[in-house]
Amino acid sequence: FIAAANPATMLALLDELETKEEQRANWFRMAQKLGEDLDTAERLIAELDQRLIEYAGIATREARRVAELEARKVNLSKLSVGEVMHMSGFSRDYAEGWCAGNDNAIHEIRTAGIKVKES
């Protein structure tokens, strides 16, 4: 070692040491940046988890509400032509048209999956 110790080899060793120290400093800065990025990502994940919990609660409430609405029955009067003529005071043609329209409405409402309670 002493025989190889001359100014040129010492300068080369110092250059190599400086390069290694710069590399170490760069790796350290990169590790710090990655740590900061990880902290930011973990905070974002925590926020998103909280929002997901809130949205799950909303979805559960809305699903319950949909089930309530689907369980309800719509009450539509099923009247005869004579009853419509008597109540409205209009002609038989009008009453027949009203009854046909009412029947069509009941059919379409049932087709949409809504329960109809006829009275």
N, C-alpha and C. Protein backbone atom coordinates (compact mmCIF):
# COMPACT_ATOMS: atom_id res chain seq x y z
N PHE A 1 0.82 -1.18 0.00
CA PHE A 1 0.00 0.00 0.00
C PHE A 1 0.87 1.25 0.00
N ILE A 2 1.90 1.26 0.85
CA ILE A 2 2.76 2.44 0.95
C ILE A 2 3.51 2.66 -0.36
N ALA A 3 3.88 1.58 -1.02
CA ALA A 3 4.61 1.73 -2.29
C ALA A 3 3.72 2.35 -3.35
N ALA A 4 2.41 2.07 -3.29
CA ALA A 4 1.48 2.61 -4.28
C ALA A 4 1.01 4.00 -3.90
N ALA A 5 1.35 4.45 -2.72
CA ALA A 5 0.88 5.75 -2.25
C ALA A 5 1.74 6.84 -2.85
N ASN A 6 1.19 7.47 -3.84
CA ASN A 6 1.85 8.62 -4.44
C ASN A 6 0.77 9.66 -4.69
N PRO A 7 1.15 10.87 -5.05
CA PRO A 7 0.16 11.92 -5.22
C PRO A 7 -0.94 11.56 -6.23
N ALA A 8 -0.60 10.91 -7.31
CA ALA A 8 -1.60 10.58 -8.34
C ALA A 8 -2.63 9.59 -7.80
N THR A 9 -2.15 8.53 -7.10
CA THR A 9 -3.10 7.55 -6.56
C THR A 9 -3.93 8.15 -5.44
N MET A 10 -3.33 9.03 -4.65
CA MET A 10 -4.08 9.67 -3.58
C MET A 10 -5.18 10.56 -4.16
N LEU A 11 -4.85 11.31 -5.23
CA LEU A 11 -5.86 12.15 -5.87
C LEU A 11 -6.97 11.29 -6.48
N ALA A 12 -6.59 10.17 -7.09
CA ALA A 12 -7.58 9.26 -7.66
C ALA A 12 -8.49 8.70 -6.57
N LEU A 13 -7.89 8.32 -5.44
CA LEU A 13 -8.69 7.82 -4.32
C LEU A 13 -9.61 8.90 -3.77
N LEU A 14 -9.10 10.14 -3.68
CA LEU A 14 -9.95 11.24 -3.21
C LEU A 14 -11.11 11.50 -4.17
N ASP A 15 -10.81 11.46 -5.49
CA ASP A 15 -11.88 11.63 -6.49
C ASP A 15 -12.93 10.53 -6.35
N GLU A 16 -12.46 9.31 -6.17
CA GLU A 16 -13.38 8.18 -6.02
C GLU A 16 -14.22 8.34 -4.75
N LEU A 17 -13.58 8.80 -3.67
CA LEU A 17 -14.29 9.02 -2.41
C LEU A 17 -15.36 10.10 -2.58
N GLU A 18 -14.99 11.20 -3.26
CA GLU A 18 -15.95 12.28 -3.50
C GLU A 18 -17.13 11.79 -4.33
N THR A 19 -16.84 10.98 -5.36
CA THR A 19 -17.89 10.42 -6.21
C THR A 19 -18.83 9.55 -5.38
N LYS A 20 -18.26 8.71 -4.54
CA LYS A 20 -19.08 7.83 -3.69
C LYS A 20 -19.92 8.65 -2.71
N GLU A 21 -19.33 9.73 -2.15
CA GLU A 21 -20.09 10.57 -1.22
C GLU A 21 -21.23 11.28 -1.94
N GLU A 22 -20.99 11.73 -3.19
CA GLU A 22 -22.05 12.36 -3.98
C GLU A 22 -23.16 11.35 -4.27
N GLN A 23 -22.75 10.13 -4.64
CA GLN A 23 -23.74 9.08 -4.91
C GLN A 23 -24.56 8.78 -3.66
N ARG A 24 -23.87 8.69 -2.51
CA ARG A 24 -24.57 8.43 -1.26
C ARG A 24 -25.56 9.56 -0.95
N ALA A 25 -25.12 10.81 -1.16
CA ALA A 25 -26.00 11.96 -0.92
C ALA A 25 -27.20 11.92 -1.87
N ASN A 26 -26.95 11.57 -3.13
CA ASN A 26 -28.05 11.45 -4.10
C ASN A 26 -29.04 10.36 -3.68
N TRP A 27 -28.50 9.21 -3.27
CA TRP A 27 -29.37 8.11 -2.81
C TRP A 27 -30.17 8.54 -1.59
N PHE A 28 -29.53 9.29 -0.70
CA PHE A 28 -30.22 9.75 0.51
C PHE A 28 -31.36 10.70 0.14
N ARG A 29 -31.09 11.66 -0.77
CA ARG A 29 -32.13 12.60 -1.21
C ARG A 29 -33.27 11.85 -1.89
N MET A 30 -32.92 10.85 -2.71
CA MET A 30 -33.94 10.07 -3.39
C MET A 30 -34.79 9.30 -2.37
N ALA A 31 -34.14 8.74 -1.37
CA ALA A 31 -34.87 8.00 -0.33
C ALA A 31 -35.79 8.95 0.44
N GLN A 32 -35.31 10.16 0.73
CA GLN A 32 -36.14 11.14 1.43
C GLN A 32 -37.36 11.49 0.58
N LYS A 33 -37.14 11.74 -0.72
CA LYS A 33 -38.24 12.09 -1.62
C LYS A 33 -39.24 10.95 -1.70
N LEU A 34 -38.75 9.72 -1.82
CA LEU A 34 -39.65 8.57 -1.87
C LEU A 34 -40.44 8.43 -0.56
N GLY A 35 -39.79 8.72 0.56
CA GLY A 35 -40.48 8.69 1.85
C GLY A 35 -41.59 9.73 1.91
N GLU A 36 -41.30 10.93 1.40
CA GLU A 36 -42.31 11.98 1.37
C GLU A 36 -43.46 11.58 0.45
N ASP A 37 -43.12 11.01 -0.72
CA ASP A 37 -44.16 10.55 -1.65
C ASP A 37 -45.02 9.47 -1.01
N LEU A 38 -44.39 8.58 -0.27
CA LEU A 38 -45.12 7.52 0.41
C LEU A 38 -46.06 8.11 1.46
N ASP A 39 -45.58 9.08 2.23
CA ASP A 39 -46.44 9.73 3.23
C ASP A 39 -47.64 10.39 2.56
N THR A 40 -47.40 11.08 1.45
CA THR A 40 -48.48 11.74 0.72
C THR A 40 -49.49 10.71 0.22
N ALA A 41 -48.98 9.62 -0.35
CA ALA A 41 -49.86 8.56 -0.86
C ALA A 41 -50.68 7.93 0.26
N GLU A 42 -50.05 7.71 1.41
CA GLU A 42 -50.78 7.12 2.54
C GLU A 42 -51.87 8.05 3.05
N ARG A 43 -51.60 9.36 3.08
CA ARG A 43 -52.63 10.32 3.48
C ARG A 43 -53.79 10.30 2.49
N LEU A 44 -53.46 10.27 1.20
CA LEU A 44 -54.50 10.23 0.18
C LEU A 44 -55.33 8.96 0.29
N ILE A 45 -54.68 7.84 0.52
CA ILE A 45 -55.40 6.57 0.68
C ILE A 45 -56.34 6.65 1.88
N ALA A 46 -55.89 7.24 2.98
CA ALA A 46 -56.74 7.38 4.16
C ALA A 46 -57.96 8.25 3.85
N GLU A 47 -57.75 9.35 3.12
CA GLU A 47 -58.87 10.21 2.73
C GLU A 47 -59.84 9.46 1.83
N LEU A 48 -59.31 8.73 0.86
CA LEU A 48 -60.17 7.98 -0.06
C LEU A 48 -60.91 6.87 0.67
N ASP A 49 -60.26 6.23 1.62
CA ASP A 49 -60.94 5.21 2.43
C ASP A 49 -62.12 5.82 3.17
N GLN A 50 -61.92 7.01 3.73
CA GLN A 50 -63.00 7.68 4.45
C GLN A 50 -64.15 8.02 3.51
N ARG A 51 -63.82 8.52 2.33
CA ARG A 51 -64.86 8.84 1.35
C ARG A 51 -65.59 7.59 0.90
N LEU A 52 -64.86 6.49 0.75
CA LEU A 52 -65.47 5.23 0.36
C LEU A 52 -66.47 4.77 1.42
N ILE A 53 -66.11 4.93 2.68
CA ILE A 53 -67.02 4.56 3.77
C ILE A 53 -68.28 5.43 3.71
N GLU A 54 -68.09 6.73 3.47
CA GLU A 54 -69.24 7.64 3.36
C GLU A 54 -70.13 7.24 2.19
N TYR A 55 -69.52 6.97 1.03
CA TYR A 55 -70.30 6.59 -0.16
C TYR A 55 -71.00 5.25 0.04
N ALA A 56 -70.38 4.34 0.76
CA ALA A 56 -71.02 3.05 1.03
C ALA A 56 -72.27 3.27 1.90
N GLY A 57 -72.16 4.19 2.85
CA GLY A 57 -73.32 4.52 3.68
C GLY A 57 -74.44 5.13 2.86
N ILE A 58 -74.08 6.03 1.96
CA ILE A 58 -75.08 6.65 1.08
C ILE A 58 -75.73 5.58 0.20
N ALA A 59 -74.92 4.70 -0.38
CA ALA A 59 -75.45 3.65 -1.25
C ALA A 59 -76.39 2.73 -0.48
N THR A 60 -76.05 2.43 0.76
CA THR A 60 -76.90 1.56 1.58
C THR A 60 -78.24 2.24 1.86
N ARG A 61 -78.18 3.53 2.23
CA ARG A 61 -79.43 4.27 2.48
C ARG A 61 -80.29 4.34 1.22
N GLU A 62 -79.65 4.62 0.09
CA GLU A 62 -80.41 4.74 -1.15
C GLU A 62 -80.99 3.39 -1.59
N ALA A 63 -80.25 2.31 -1.37
CA ALA A 63 -80.77 0.98 -1.71
C ALA A 63 -81.99 0.67 -0.85
N ARG A 64 -81.94 1.06 0.42
CA ARG A 64 -83.09 0.87 1.31
C ARG A 64 -84.29 1.67 0.80
N ARG A 65 -84.02 2.90 0.37
CA ARG A 65 -85.10 3.76 -0.14
C ARG A 65 -85.70 3.17 -1.41
N VAL A 66 -84.87 2.67 -2.30
CA VAL A 66 -85.37 2.04 -3.53
C VAL A 66 -86.24 0.84 -3.18
N ALA A 67 -85.79 0.03 -2.22
CA ALA A 67 -86.57 -1.13 -1.80
C ALA A 67 -87.92 -0.70 -1.24
N GLU A 68 -87.93 0.38 -0.46
CA GLU A 68 -89.20 0.89 0.07
C GLU A 68 -90.12 1.32 -1.06
N LEU A 69 -89.57 2.04 -2.02
CA LEU A 69 -90.39 2.51 -3.14
C LEU A 69 -90.90 1.34 -3.98
N GLU A 70 -90.04 0.35 -4.19
CA GLU A 70 -90.46 -0.81 -4.98
C GLU A 70 -91.53 -1.62 -4.26
N ALA A 71 -91.53 -1.60 -2.94
CA ALA A 71 -92.51 -2.36 -2.17
C ALA A 71 -93.88 -1.67 -2.14
N ARG A 72 -93.91 -0.38 -2.39
CA ARG A 72 -95.17 0.36 -2.37
C ARG A 72 -96.04 -0.02 -3.55
N LYS A 73 -97.32 0.22 -3.37
CA LYS A 73 -98.27 0.01 -4.47
C LYS A 73 -98.89 1.34 -4.83
N VAL A 74 -99.09 1.54 -6.12
CA VAL A 74 -99.76 2.73 -6.62
C VAL A 74 -101.25 2.44 -6.61
N ASN A 75 -102.04 3.36 -6.14
CA ASN A 75 -103.48 3.17 -6.07
C ASN A 75 -104.14 3.89 -7.24
N LEU A 76 -104.68 3.12 -8.18
CA LEU A 76 -105.38 3.70 -9.33
C LEU A 76 -106.82 3.21 -9.32
N SER A 77 -107.72 4.13 -9.53
CA SER A 77 -109.13 3.75 -9.57
C SER A 77 -109.44 3.04 -10.88
N LYS A 78 -110.15 1.95 -10.78
CA LYS A 78 -110.60 1.20 -11.96
C LYS A 78 -112.10 1.44 -12.04
N LEU A 79 -112.48 2.38 -12.89
CA LEU A 79 -113.88 2.76 -12.99
C LEU A 79 -114.49 2.20 -14.27
N SER A 80 -115.79 2.02 -14.22
CA SER A 80 -116.51 1.57 -15.42
C SER A 80 -116.84 2.79 -16.28
N VAL A 81 -117.21 2.52 -17.51
CA VAL A 81 -117.59 3.60 -18.43
C VAL A 81 -118.76 4.38 -17.84
N GLY A 82 -119.73 3.68 -17.26
CA GLY A 82 -120.89 4.34 -16.67
C GLY A 82 -120.49 5.26 -15.52
N GLU A 83 -119.57 4.81 -14.68
CA GLU A 83 -119.13 5.63 -13.55
C GLU A 83 -118.43 6.89 -14.04
N VAL A 84 -117.59 6.75 -15.07
CA VAL A 84 -116.88 7.92 -15.61
C VAL A 84 -117.88 8.89 -16.23
N MET A 85 -118.88 8.37 -16.96
CA MET A 85 -119.89 9.25 -17.56
C MET A 85 -120.65 10.00 -16.47
N HIS A 86 -121.00 9.30 -15.42
CA HIS A 86 -121.77 9.91 -14.33
C HIS A 86 -120.94 10.98 -13.61
N MET A 87 -119.67 10.65 -13.30
CA MET A 87 -118.82 11.60 -12.56
C MET A 87 -118.43 12.81 -13.40
N SER A 88 -118.17 12.59 -14.69
CA SER A 88 -117.66 13.69 -15.52
C SER A 88 -118.77 14.47 -16.20
N GLY A 89 -119.88 13.79 -16.44
CA GLY A 89 -120.95 14.44 -17.17
C GLY A 89 -120.67 14.52 -18.66
N PHE A 90 -119.66 13.80 -19.12
CA PHE A 90 -119.32 13.82 -20.54
C PHE A 90 -119.94 12.63 -21.26
N SER A 91 -119.64 12.54 -22.53
CA SER A 91 -120.23 11.51 -23.40
C SER A 91 -119.64 10.13 -23.15
N ARG A 92 -120.31 9.14 -23.74
CA ARG A 92 -119.85 7.76 -23.65
C ARG A 92 -118.47 7.63 -24.31
N ASP A 93 -118.26 8.29 -25.46
CA ASP A 93 -116.96 8.22 -26.15
C ASP A 93 -115.84 8.72 -25.23
N TYR A 94 -116.11 9.84 -24.54
CA TYR A 94 -115.11 10.37 -23.61
C TYR A 94 -114.82 9.35 -22.52
N ALA A 95 -115.86 8.78 -21.93
CA ALA A 95 -115.70 7.83 -20.83
C ALA A 95 -114.95 6.59 -21.29
N GLU A 96 -115.26 6.11 -22.50
CA GLU A 96 -114.56 4.93 -23.02
C GLU A 96 -113.08 5.25 -23.24
N GLY A 97 -112.80 6.43 -23.74
CA GLY A 97 -111.40 6.86 -23.94
C GLY A 97 -110.66 6.97 -22.63
N TRP A 98 -111.35 7.53 -21.62
CA TRP A 98 -110.73 7.66 -20.30
C TRP A 98 -110.42 6.29 -19.72
N CYS A 99 -111.36 5.37 -19.81
CA CYS A 99 -111.16 4.02 -19.27
C CYS A 99 -110.04 3.30 -20.02
N ALA A 100 -109.99 3.45 -21.35
CA ALA A 100 -108.92 2.82 -22.13
C ALA A 100 -107.56 3.40 -21.73
N GLY A 101 -107.51 4.73 -21.56
CA GLY A 101 -106.26 5.36 -21.14
C GLY A 101 -105.84 4.90 -19.75
N ASN A 102 -106.80 4.76 -18.86
CA ASN A 102 -106.52 4.28 -17.51
C ASN A 102 -105.99 2.84 -17.56
N ASP A 103 -106.62 2.00 -18.38
CA ASP A 103 -106.15 0.61 -18.53
C ASP A 103 -104.72 0.58 -19.08
N ASN A 104 -104.46 1.43 -20.07
CA ASN A 104 -103.10 1.50 -20.63
C ASN A 104 -102.09 1.96 -19.58
N ALA A 105 -102.49 2.94 -18.78
CA ALA A 105 -101.59 3.43 -17.73
C ALA A 105 -101.28 2.33 -16.73
N ILE A 106 -102.30 1.59 -16.32
CA ILE A 106 -102.09 0.48 -15.39
C ILE A 106 -101.15 -0.55 -16.00
N HIS A 107 -101.37 -0.87 -17.26
CA HIS A 107 -100.50 -1.85 -17.94
C HIS A 107 -99.05 -1.36 -17.99
N GLU A 108 -98.83 -0.11 -18.37
CA GLU A 108 -97.47 0.43 -18.49
C GLU A 108 -96.79 0.52 -17.12
N ILE A 109 -97.55 0.89 -16.11
CA ILE A 109 -96.98 0.98 -14.76
C ILE A 109 -96.54 -0.39 -14.29
N ARG A 110 -97.38 -1.40 -14.54
CA ARG A 110 -97.01 -2.78 -14.16
C ARG A 110 -95.80 -3.25 -14.96
N THR A 111 -95.77 -2.90 -16.24
CA THR A 111 -94.63 -3.29 -17.09
C THR A 111 -93.34 -2.69 -16.55
N ALA A 112 -93.42 -1.51 -15.97
CA ALA A 112 -92.24 -0.87 -15.38
C ALA A 112 -91.85 -1.50 -14.05
N GLY A 113 -92.64 -2.46 -13.57
CA GLY A 113 -92.29 -3.16 -12.34
C GLY A 113 -92.90 -2.54 -11.09
N ILE A 114 -93.82 -1.62 -11.28
CA ILE A 114 -94.48 -0.97 -10.14
C ILE A 114 -95.77 -1.72 -9.84
N LYS A 115 -95.98 -2.00 -8.57
CA LYS A 115 -97.19 -2.70 -8.16
C LYS A 115 -98.38 -1.74 -8.20
N VAL A 116 -99.51 -2.24 -8.68
CA VAL A 116 -100.71 -1.42 -8.78
C VAL A 116 -101.81 -2.05 -7.93
N LYS A 117 -102.37 -1.22 -7.05
CA LYS A 117 -103.50 -1.66 -6.24
C LYS A 117 -104.74 -1.02 -6.85
N GLU A 118 -105.58 -1.83 -7.44
CA GLU A 118 -106.79 -1.30 -8.08
C GLU A 118 -107.91 -1.21 -7.05
N SER A 119 -108.68 -0.13 -7.16
CA SER A 119 -109.81 0.01 -6.24
C SER A 119 -111.09 0.16 -7.01
